[in-house]
Amino acid sequence: MVKFLYVTDIHGTRSIYERMFKLGKAPDIDFIIFGGDLTSGINPRGQKFFLTFYLVPRLWIFRKRHKKTVFIMMGNDDYASNSKILKKADRCRVVRLIHNDIRKAGKTKVVGYPFINETPFLIKDWEKTEEEIENDLEYLSHEIDPNKTIYVFHAPPYNTKLDIMYNKQHMGSKSIRNFIEKEQPSISLHGHIHESPKMSGTIKQKIGKTLCINPGSGRIIKIDTEKMTVEKIEDTENF
């Protein structure tokens, strides 16, 4: 059983990163997770500059000083052409990249899935059809004990309190919802739909036995997997 911090959809806001690093050094925090949409802007060069000259060096300092694991993945607003920067950081053990992959945190496994269902948004690098998502998740979950696994999906499950747009439409992934209903992991983490917590009035919902969480844009949360509690750090809300 572990305690960890999670944040998603930061979109390059350095104050949130710095708050995350400050909170993450606490003795009771086992590791931290960044769930996608790490950068801002529609210029891939600007995103590359941010990753190269701010985020990766800052992650290296955190790792060196506090010896804690950082799990990270991109989201739909991050250009895939810059993923090589994070892959290099992973090889250097600065971070553990959970891009469609499985990583270990002690006895716990962390699985990351950055792809989202199709949207009208500009950047298409991380979009897939529902059929493709279903096939990916079936392969990714092979021989994994869901009770000992934290799933990090950038997209939320469809037709829940976690995927509501300002126009009240549900824009989550049907395949991700089906996967959660079938596999029943203890915890699934989400993001992507920034306004959903405001629209629904909550950041969490149970699907069967699974505690599903979408904290919204830039809100840091603390999760205790033994007590199955979620604590919101209110001063980092960034809608």
C-alpha atoms as a PDB file:
ATOM      1  CA  MET A   1       0.000   0.000   0.000  1.00  0.00           C
ATOM      2  CA  VAL A   2       1.337   3.422  -0.960  1.00  0.00           C
ATOM      3  CA  LYS A   3       0.733   7.145  -0.757  1.00  0.00           C
ATOM      4  CA  PHE A   4       1.420   9.266  -3.815  1.00  0.00           C
ATOM      5  CA  LEU A   5       0.689  12.596  -5.506  1.00  0.00           C
ATOM      6  CA  TYR A   6      -1.042  12.956  -8.854  1.00  0.00           C
ATOM      7  CA  VAL A   7      -1.499  15.928 -11.147  1.00  0.00           C
ATOM      8  CA  THR A   8      -2.498  16.215 -14.780  1.00  0.00           C
ATOM      9  CA  ASP A   9      -3.133  18.845 -17.467  1.00  0.00           C
ATOM     10  CA  ILE A  10      -0.548  21.285 -16.093  1.00  0.00           C
ATOM     11  CA  HIS A  11       0.020  22.854 -19.524  1.00  0.00           C
ATOM     12  CA  GLY A  12       3.421  24.270 -18.671  1.00  0.00           C
ATOM     13  CA  THR A  13       2.454  26.128 -15.482  1.00  0.00           C
ATOM     14  CA  ARG A  14       5.733  26.181 -13.579  1.00  0.00           C
ATOM     15  CA  SER A  15       4.190  27.176 -10.248  1.00  0.00           C
ATOM     16  CA  ILE A  16       2.223  23.915 -10.225  1.00  0.00           C
ATOM     17  CA  TYR A  17       5.331  21.891 -11.004  1.00  0.00           C
ATOM     18  CA  GLU A  18       7.190  23.621  -8.185  1.00  0.00           C
ATOM     19  CA  ARG A  19       4.305  22.989  -5.792  1.00  0.00           C
ATOM     20  CA  MET A  20       4.305  19.329  -6.808  1.00  0.00           C
ATOM     21  CA  PHE A  21       8.039  19.003  -6.156  1.00  0.00           C
ATOM     22  CA  LYS A  22       7.690  20.710  -2.778  1.00  0.00           C
ATOM     23  CA  LEU A  23       4.841  18.446  -1.687  1.00  0.00           C
ATOM     24  CA  GLY A  24       6.521  15.394  -3.179  1.00  0.00           C
ATOM     25  CA  LYS A  25       9.534  15.539  -0.894  1.00  0.00           C
ATOM     26  CA  ALA A  26       7.381  14.839   2.208  1.00  0.00           C
ATOM     27  CA  PRO A  27       8.468  11.632   3.992  1.00  0.00           C
ATOM     28  CA  ASP A  28       5.065   9.965   3.633  1.00  0.00           C
ATOM     29  CA  ILE A  29       4.954  10.338  -0.166  1.00  0.00           C
ATOM     30  CA  ASP A  30       6.240   7.241  -1.971  1.00  0.00           C
ATOM     31  CA  PHE A  31       6.217   8.613  -5.535  1.00  0.00           C
ATOM     32  CA  ILE A  32       4.589  11.214  -7.795  1.00  0.00           C
ATOM     33  CA  ILE A  33       2.702  10.918 -11.083  1.00  0.00           C
ATOM     34  CA  PHE A  34       2.282  13.425 -13.924  1.00  0.00           C
ATOM     35  CA  GLY A  35      -0.672  12.378 -16.079  1.00  0.00           C
ATOM     36  CA  GLY A  36      -0.231  14.200 -19.388  1.00  0.00           C
ATOM     37  CA  ASP A  37      -0.543  17.592 -21.089  1.00  0.00           C
ATOM     38  CA  LEU A  38       2.778  18.608 -19.608  1.00  0.00           C
ATOM     39  CA  THR A  39       3.481  21.549 -21.915  1.00  0.00           C
ATOM     40  CA  SER A  40       1.656  24.517 -23.424  1.00  0.00           C
ATOM     41  CA  GLY A  41       1.308  26.153 -26.815  1.00  0.00           C
ATOM     42  CA  ILE A  42       0.832  24.863 -30.356  1.00  0.00           C
ATOM     43  CA  ASN A  43       4.480  25.231 -31.336  1.00  0.00           C
ATOM     44  CA  PRO A  44       6.449  21.973 -31.006  1.00  0.00           C
ATOM     45  CA  ARG A  45       9.701  23.924 -30.704  1.00  0.00           C
ATOM     46  CA  GLY A  46       8.379  25.855 -27.726  1.00  0.00           C
ATOM     47  CA  GLN A  47       7.323  22.615 -26.074  1.00  0.00           C
ATOM     48  CA  LYS A  48      10.751  21.132 -26.795  1.00  0.00           C
ATOM     49  CA  PHE A  49      12.423  24.144 -25.147  1.00  0.00           C
ATOM     50  CA  PHE A  50      10.234  23.762 -22.047  1.00  0.00           C
ATOM     51  CA  LEU A  51      10.991  20.060 -21.691  1.00  0.00           C
ATOM     52  CA  THR A  52      14.708  20.410 -22.388  1.00  0.00           C
ATOM     53  CA  PHE A  53      15.569  23.476 -20.362  1.00  0.00           C
ATOM     54  CA  TYR A  54      13.035  23.436 -17.533  1.00  0.00           C
ATOM     55  CA  LEU A  55      11.171  20.218 -16.868  1.00  0.00           C
ATOM     56  CA  VAL A  56      13.794  17.510 -17.343  1.00  0.00           C
ATOM     57  CA  PRO A  57      16.513  19.424 -15.409  1.00  0.00           C
ATOM     58  CA  ARG A  58      14.011  20.109 -12.639  1.00  0.00           C
ATOM     59  CA  LEU A  59      13.006  16.447 -12.510  1.00  0.00           C
ATOM     60  CA  TRP A  60      16.678  15.484 -12.320  1.00  0.00           C
ATOM     61  CA  ILE A  61      17.195  17.773  -9.309  1.00  0.00           C
ATOM     62  CA  PHE A  62      14.132  16.318  -7.562  1.00  0.00           C
ATOM     63  CA  ARG A  63      15.242  12.751  -8.212  1.00  0.00           C
ATOM     64  CA  LYS A  64      18.820  13.403  -7.081  1.00  0.00           C
ATOM     65  CA  ARG A  65      17.845  15.192  -3.868  1.00  0.00           C
ATOM     66  CA  HIS A  66      14.937  13.050  -2.715  1.00  0.00           C
ATOM     67  CA  LYS A  67      15.514   9.630  -4.350  1.00  0.00           C
ATOM     68  CA  LYS A  68      11.842   9.300  -5.242  1.00  0.00           C
ATOM     69  CA  THR A  69      10.372   7.871  -8.417  1.00  0.00           C
ATOM     70  CA  VAL A  70       8.554  10.164 -10.827  1.00  0.00           C
ATOM     71  CA  PHE A  71       6.125   8.527 -13.249  1.00  0.00           C
ATOM     72  CA  ILE A  72       5.268  10.631 -16.286  1.00  0.00           C
ATOM     73  CA  MET A  73       3.502  10.515 -19.642  1.00  0.00           C
ATOM     74  CA  MET A  74       2.409  12.890 -22.363  1.00  0.00           C
ATOM     75  CA  GLY A  75      -1.157  13.888 -23.230  1.00  0.00           C
ATOM     76  CA  ASN A  76      -3.031  15.000 -26.321  1.00  0.00           C
ATOM     77  CA  ASP A  77      -1.648  18.570 -26.185  1.00  0.00           C
ATOM     78  CA  ASP A  78       1.982  17.380 -26.106  1.00  0.00           C
ATOM     79  CA  TYR A  79       3.666  16.807 -29.460  1.00  0.00           C
ATOM     80  CA  ALA A  80       4.838  13.216 -29.933  1.00  0.00           C
ATOM     81  CA  SER A  81       7.945  14.473 -31.736  1.00  0.00           C
ATOM     82  CA  ASN A  82       9.291  15.553 -28.334  1.00  0.00           C
ATOM     83  CA  SER A  83       8.713  12.200 -26.649  1.00  0.00           C
ATOM     84  CA  LYS A  84      12.356  11.326 -27.314  1.00  0.00           C
ATOM     85  CA  ILE A  85      13.315  13.883 -24.651  1.00  0.00           C
ATOM     86  CA  LEU A  86      11.394  11.950 -22.020  1.00  0.00           C
ATOM     87  CA  LYS A  87      12.657   8.622 -23.376  1.00  0.00           C
ATOM     88  CA  LYS A  88      16.220   9.827 -22.854  1.00  0.00           C
ATOM     89  CA  ALA A  89      15.338  10.981 -19.326  1.00  0.00           C
ATOM     90  CA  ASP A  90      13.930   7.511 -18.692  1.00  0.00           C
ATOM     91  CA  ARG A  91      17.102   5.824 -19.903  1.00  0.00           C
ATOM     92  CA  CYS A  92      19.047   8.054 -17.510  1.00  0.00           C
ATOM     93  CA  ARG A  93      16.619   7.035 -14.712  1.00  0.00           C
ATOM     94  CA  VAL A  94      15.529  10.625 -14.146  1.00  0.00           C
ATOM     95  CA  VAL A  95      11.897   9.542 -14.656  1.00  0.00           C
ATOM     96  CA  ARG A  96       9.901   6.391 -15.323  1.00  0.00           C
ATOM     97  CA  LEU A  97       8.050   6.966 -18.596  1.00  0.00           C
ATOM     98  CA  ILE A  98       4.638   5.272 -18.513  1.00  0.00           C
ATOM     99  CA  HIS A  99       3.852   5.708 -22.196  1.00  0.00           C
ATOM    100  CA  ASN A 100       1.701   2.683 -23.007  1.00  0.00           C
ATOM    101  CA  ASP A 101       3.912   0.772 -20.600  1.00  0.00           C
ATOM    102  CA  ILE A 102       4.079  -0.931 -17.206  1.00  0.00           C
ATOM    103  CA  ARG A 103       6.420   0.201 -14.428  1.00  0.00           C
ATOM    104  CA  LYS A 104       6.966  -0.947 -10.870  1.00  0.00           C
ATOM    105  CA  ALA A 105       6.784   1.022  -7.630  1.00  0.00           C
ATOM    106  CA  GLY A 106       7.687  -1.544  -5.011  1.00  0.00           C
ATOM    107  CA  LYS A 107       4.907  -4.143  -5.051  1.00  0.00           C
ATOM    108  CA  THR A 108       2.627  -1.780  -6.978  1.00  0.00           C
ATOM    109  CA  LYS A 109       2.541  -1.516 -10.767  1.00  0.00           C
ATOM    110  CA  VAL A 110       1.803   1.735 -12.586  1.00  0.00           C
ATOM    111  CA  VAL A 111       0.396   1.528 -16.112  1.00  0.00           C
ATOM    112  CA  GLY A 112       0.147   4.588 -18.332  1.00  0.00           C
ATOM    113  CA  TYR A 113      -2.019   5.087 -21.397  1.00  0.00           C
ATOM    114  CA  PRO A 114      -1.739   8.544 -23.047  1.00  0.00           C
ATOM    115  CA  PHE A 115      -4.044   7.948 -26.012  1.00  0.00           C
ATOM    116  CA  ILE A 116      -7.506   9.504 -26.190  1.00  0.00           C
ATOM    117  CA  ASN A 117     -10.605   8.887 -28.278  1.00  0.00           C
ATOM    118  CA  GLU A 118     -11.065  11.085 -31.322  1.00  0.00           C
ATOM    119  CA  THR A 119     -11.734  14.801 -30.741  1.00  0.00           C
ATOM    120  CA  PRO A 120     -11.976  18.042 -32.766  1.00  0.00           C
ATOM    121  CA  PHE A 121      -8.741  19.324 -31.172  1.00  0.00           C
ATOM    122  CA  LEU A 122      -5.787  20.488 -33.257  1.00  0.00           C
ATOM    123  CA  ILE A 123      -3.029  18.067 -32.214  1.00  0.00           C
ATOM    124  CA  LYS A 124      -3.766  14.515 -33.363  1.00  0.00           C
ATOM    125  CA  ASP A 125      -0.612  12.694 -32.220  1.00  0.00           C
ATOM    126  CA  TRP A 126      -2.301  10.822 -29.362  1.00  0.00           C
ATOM    127  CA  GLU A 127      -5.737  10.129 -30.839  1.00  0.00           C
ATOM    128  CA  LYS A 128      -6.976   6.634 -31.609  1.00  0.00           C
ATOM    129  CA  THR A 129     -10.277   5.030 -32.517  1.00  0.00           C
ATOM    130  CA  GLU A 130     -12.219   3.251 -29.798  1.00  0.00           C
ATOM    131  CA  GLU A 131     -11.390  -0.068 -31.455  1.00  0.00           C
ATOM    132  CA  GLU A 132      -7.667   0.722 -31.364  1.00  0.00           C
ATOM    133  CA  ILE A 133      -7.897   1.746 -27.701  1.00  0.00           C
ATOM    134  CA  GLU A 134      -9.727  -1.480 -26.863  1.00  0.00           C
ATOM    135  CA  ASN A 135      -7.022  -3.575 -28.546  1.00  0.00           C
ATOM    136  CA  ASP A 136      -4.231  -1.638 -26.834  1.00  0.00           C
ATOM    137  CA  LEU A 137      -5.736  -2.077 -23.380  1.00  0.00           C
ATOM    138  CA  GLU A 138      -6.340  -5.773 -23.869  1.00  0.00           C
ATOM    139  CA  TYR A 139      -2.652  -6.241 -24.700  1.00  0.00           C
ATOM    140  CA  LEU A 140      -1.458  -3.881 -21.978  1.00  0.00           C
ATOM    141  CA  SER A 141      -3.402  -5.663 -19.230  1.00  0.00           C
ATOM    142  CA  HIS A 142      -2.096  -9.127 -20.063  1.00  0.00           C
ATOM    143  CA  GLU A 143      -1.041 -11.046 -16.918  1.00  0.00           C
ATOM    144  CA  ILE A 144      -1.445  -8.016 -14.622  1.00  0.00           C
ATOM    145  CA  ASP A 145      -3.136  -8.231 -11.242  1.00  0.00           C
ATOM    146  CA  PRO A 146      -5.581  -5.267 -11.360  1.00  0.00           C
ATOM    147  CA  ASN A 147      -5.765  -5.160  -7.549  1.00  0.00           C
ATOM    148  CA  LYS A 148      -2.067  -4.255  -7.406  1.00  0.00           C
ATOM    149  CA  THR A 149      -2.074  -1.845 -10.331  1.00  0.00           C
ATOM    150  CA  ILE A 150      -2.633   1.895 -10.689  1.00  0.00           C
ATOM    151  CA  TYR A 151      -3.883   2.767 -14.172  1.00  0.00           C
ATOM    152  CA  VAL A 152      -3.169   6.256 -15.508  1.00  0.00           C
ATOM    153  CA  PHE A 153      -5.373   7.111 -18.490  1.00  0.00           C
ATOM    154  CA  HIS A 154      -5.230  10.592 -19.964  1.00  0.00           C
ATOM    155  CA  ALA A 155      -8.837  10.224 -21.135  1.00  0.00           C
ATOM    156  CA  PRO A 156     -11.691   9.701 -18.659  1.00  0.00           C
ATOM    157  CA  PRO A 157     -14.285   6.922 -18.924  1.00  0.00           C
ATOM    158  CA  TYR A 158     -17.377   7.725 -20.983  1.00  0.00           C
ATOM    159  CA  ASN A 159     -20.697   8.832 -19.497  1.00  0.00           C
ATOM    160  CA  THR A 160     -19.450   9.446 -15.972  1.00  0.00           C
ATOM    161  CA  LYS A 161     -19.010  12.397 -13.635  1.00  0.00           C
ATOM    162  CA  LEU A 162     -15.443  12.656 -14.958  1.00  0.00           C
ATOM    163  CA  ASP A 163     -15.986  13.465 -18.643  1.00  0.00           C
ATOM    164  CA  ILE A 164     -18.553  16.288 -18.736  1.00  0.00           C
ATOM    165  CA  MET A 165     -17.849  19.239 -21.040  1.00  0.00           C
ATOM    166  CA  TYR A 166     -19.171  22.791 -20.535  1.00  0.00           C
ATOM    167  CA  ASN A 167     -21.959  21.970 -23.011  1.00  0.00           C
ATOM    168  CA  LYS A 168     -22.899  18.998 -20.767  1.00  0.00           C
ATOM    169  CA  GLN A 169     -21.806  16.457 -23.349  1.00  0.00           C
ATOM    170  CA  HIS A 170     -19.910  13.374 -22.233  1.00  0.00           C
ATOM    171  CA  MET A 171     -16.623  13.159 -24.167  1.00  0.00           C
ATOM    172  CA  GLY A 172     -14.749  10.293 -22.495  1.00  0.00           C
ATOM    173  CA  SER A 173     -13.689   6.976 -23.964  1.00  0.00           C
ATOM    174  CA  LYS A 174     -16.160   4.101 -24.180  1.00  0.00           C
ATOM    175  CA  SER A 175     -13.312   1.604 -24.472  1.00  0.00           C
ATOM    176  CA  ILE A 176     -11.658   2.881 -21.303  1.00  0.00           C
ATOM    177  CA  ARG A 177     -14.961   2.598 -19.446  1.00  0.00           C
ATOM    178  CA  ASN A 178     -15.479  -0.953 -20.747  1.00  0.00           C
ATOM    179  CA  PHE A 179     -11.963  -1.857 -19.677  1.00  0.00           C
ATOM    180  CA  ILE A 180     -12.521  -0.550 -16.140  1.00  0.00           C
ATOM    181  CA  GLU A 181     -15.844  -2.380 -15.855  1.00  0.00           C
ATOM    182  CA  LYS A 182     -14.192  -5.622 -16.969  1.00  0.00           C
ATOM    183  CA  GLU A 183     -10.829  -5.504 -15.182  1.00  0.00           C
ATOM    184  CA  GLN A 184     -11.854  -3.606 -12.020  1.00  0.00           C
ATOM    185  CA  PRO A 185      -8.484  -2.139 -10.997  1.00  0.00           C
ATOM    186  CA  SER A 186      -8.492  -0.594  -7.534  1.00  0.00           C
ATOM    187  CA  ILE A 187      -7.646   2.905  -8.859  1.00  0.00           C
ATOM    188  CA  SER A 188      -7.774   4.602 -12.255  1.00  0.00           C
ATOM    189  CA  LEU A 189      -6.481   8.140 -12.771  1.00  0.00           C
ATOM    190  CA  HIS A 190      -7.686  10.456 -15.538  1.00  0.00           C
ATOM    191  CA  GLY A 191      -7.612  14.016 -16.900  1.00  0.00           C
ATOM    192  CA  HIS A 192      -8.157  15.645 -20.310  1.00  0.00           C
ATOM    193  CA  ILE A 193     -11.609  17.164 -19.624  1.00  0.00           C
ATOM    194  CA  HIS A 194     -10.601  20.166 -17.488  1.00  0.00           C
ATOM    195  CA  GLU A 195     -14.045  21.408 -16.597  1.00  0.00           C
ATOM    196  CA  SER A 196     -15.594  18.102 -15.575  1.00  0.00           C
ATOM    197  CA  PRO A 197     -15.098  18.578 -11.791  1.00  0.00           C
ATOM    198  CA  LYS A 198     -16.877  21.934 -12.017  1.00  0.00           C
ATOM    199  CA  MET A 199     -19.705  20.528 -14.087  1.00  0.00           C
ATOM    200  CA  SER A 200     -20.274  17.433 -11.966  1.00  0.00           C
ATOM    201  CA  GLY A 201     -19.224  18.805  -8.582  1.00  0.00           C
ATOM    202  CA  THR A 202     -16.844  15.925  -7.919  1.00  0.00           C
ATOM    203  CA  ILE A 203     -13.418  14.590  -8.906  1.00  0.00           C
ATOM    204  CA  LYS A 204     -14.187  10.907  -8.320  1.00  0.00           C
ATOM    205  CA  GLN A 205     -16.644   8.162  -9.106  1.00  0.00           C
ATOM    206  CA  LYS A 206     -16.827   4.454  -8.432  1.00  0.00           C
ATOM    207  CA  ILE A 207     -17.265   2.093 -11.371  1.00  0.00           C
ATOM    208  CA  GLY A 208     -17.899  -1.189  -9.667  1.00  0.00           C
ATOM    209  CA  LYS A 209     -14.998  -1.607  -7.250  1.00  0.00           C
ATOM    210  CA  THR A 210     -12.750   0.862  -9.110  1.00  0.00           C
ATOM    211  CA  LEU A 211     -12.143   4.331  -7.711  1.00  0.00           C
ATOM    212  CA  CYS A 212     -11.878   6.580 -10.790  1.00  0.00           C
ATOM    213  CA  ILE A 213     -10.468  10.092 -10.376  1.00  0.00           C
ATOM    214  CA  ASN A 214     -10.233  13.172 -12.619  1.00  0.00           C
ATOM    215  CA  PRO A 215      -8.942  16.099 -10.507  1.00  0.00           C
ATOM    216  CA  GLY A 216      -9.172  18.596 -13.371  1.00  0.00           C
ATOM    217  CA  SER A 217      -6.483  20.871 -14.731  1.00  0.00           C
ATOM    218  CA  GLY A 218      -3.482  21.388 -12.469  1.00  0.00           C
ATOM    219  CA  ARG A 219      -5.083  20.319  -9.187  1.00  0.00           C
ATOM    220  CA  ILE A 220      -2.700  18.195  -7.115  1.00  0.00           C
ATOM    221  CA  ILE A 221      -4.243  15.332  -5.178  1.00  0.00           C
ATOM    222  CA  LYS A 222      -2.844  12.938  -2.605  1.00  0.00           C
ATOM    223  CA  ILE A 223      -3.996   9.326  -2.748  1.00  0.00           C
ATOM    224  CA  ASP A 224      -3.663   6.704  -0.020  1.00  0.00           C
ATOM    225  CA  THR A 225      -4.159   3.227  -1.511  1.00  0.00           C
ATOM    226  CA  GLU A 226      -4.538   1.562   1.880  1.00  0.00           C
ATOM    227  CA  LYS A 227      -7.360   3.794   3.117  1.00  0.00           C
ATOM    228  CA  MET A 228      -8.570   4.479  -0.450  1.00  0.00           C
ATOM    229  CA  THR A 229      -8.768   8.193   0.292  1.00  0.00           C
ATOM    230  CA  VAL A 230      -8.259  11.202  -1.985  1.00  0.00           C
ATOM    231  CA  GLU A 231      -7.106  14.527  -0.568  1.00  0.00           C
ATOM    232  CA  LYS A 232      -7.397  17.675  -2.715  1.00  0.00           C
ATOM    233  CA  ILE A 233      -4.700  20.346  -2.484  1.00  0.00           C
ATOM    234  CA  GLU A 234      -7.071  23.244  -3.140  1.00  0.00           C
ATOM    235  CA  ASP A 235      -4.583  26.047  -3.776  1.00  0.00           C
ATOM    236  CA  THR A 236      -3.354  24.461  -7.020  1.00  0.00           C
ATOM    237  CA  GLU A 237      -6.647  24.440  -8.915  1.00  0.00           C
ATOM    238  CA  ASN A 238      -5.940  25.812 -12.394  1.00  0.00           C
ATOM    239  CA  PHE A 239      -9.145  25.880 -14.433  1.00  0.00           C
END
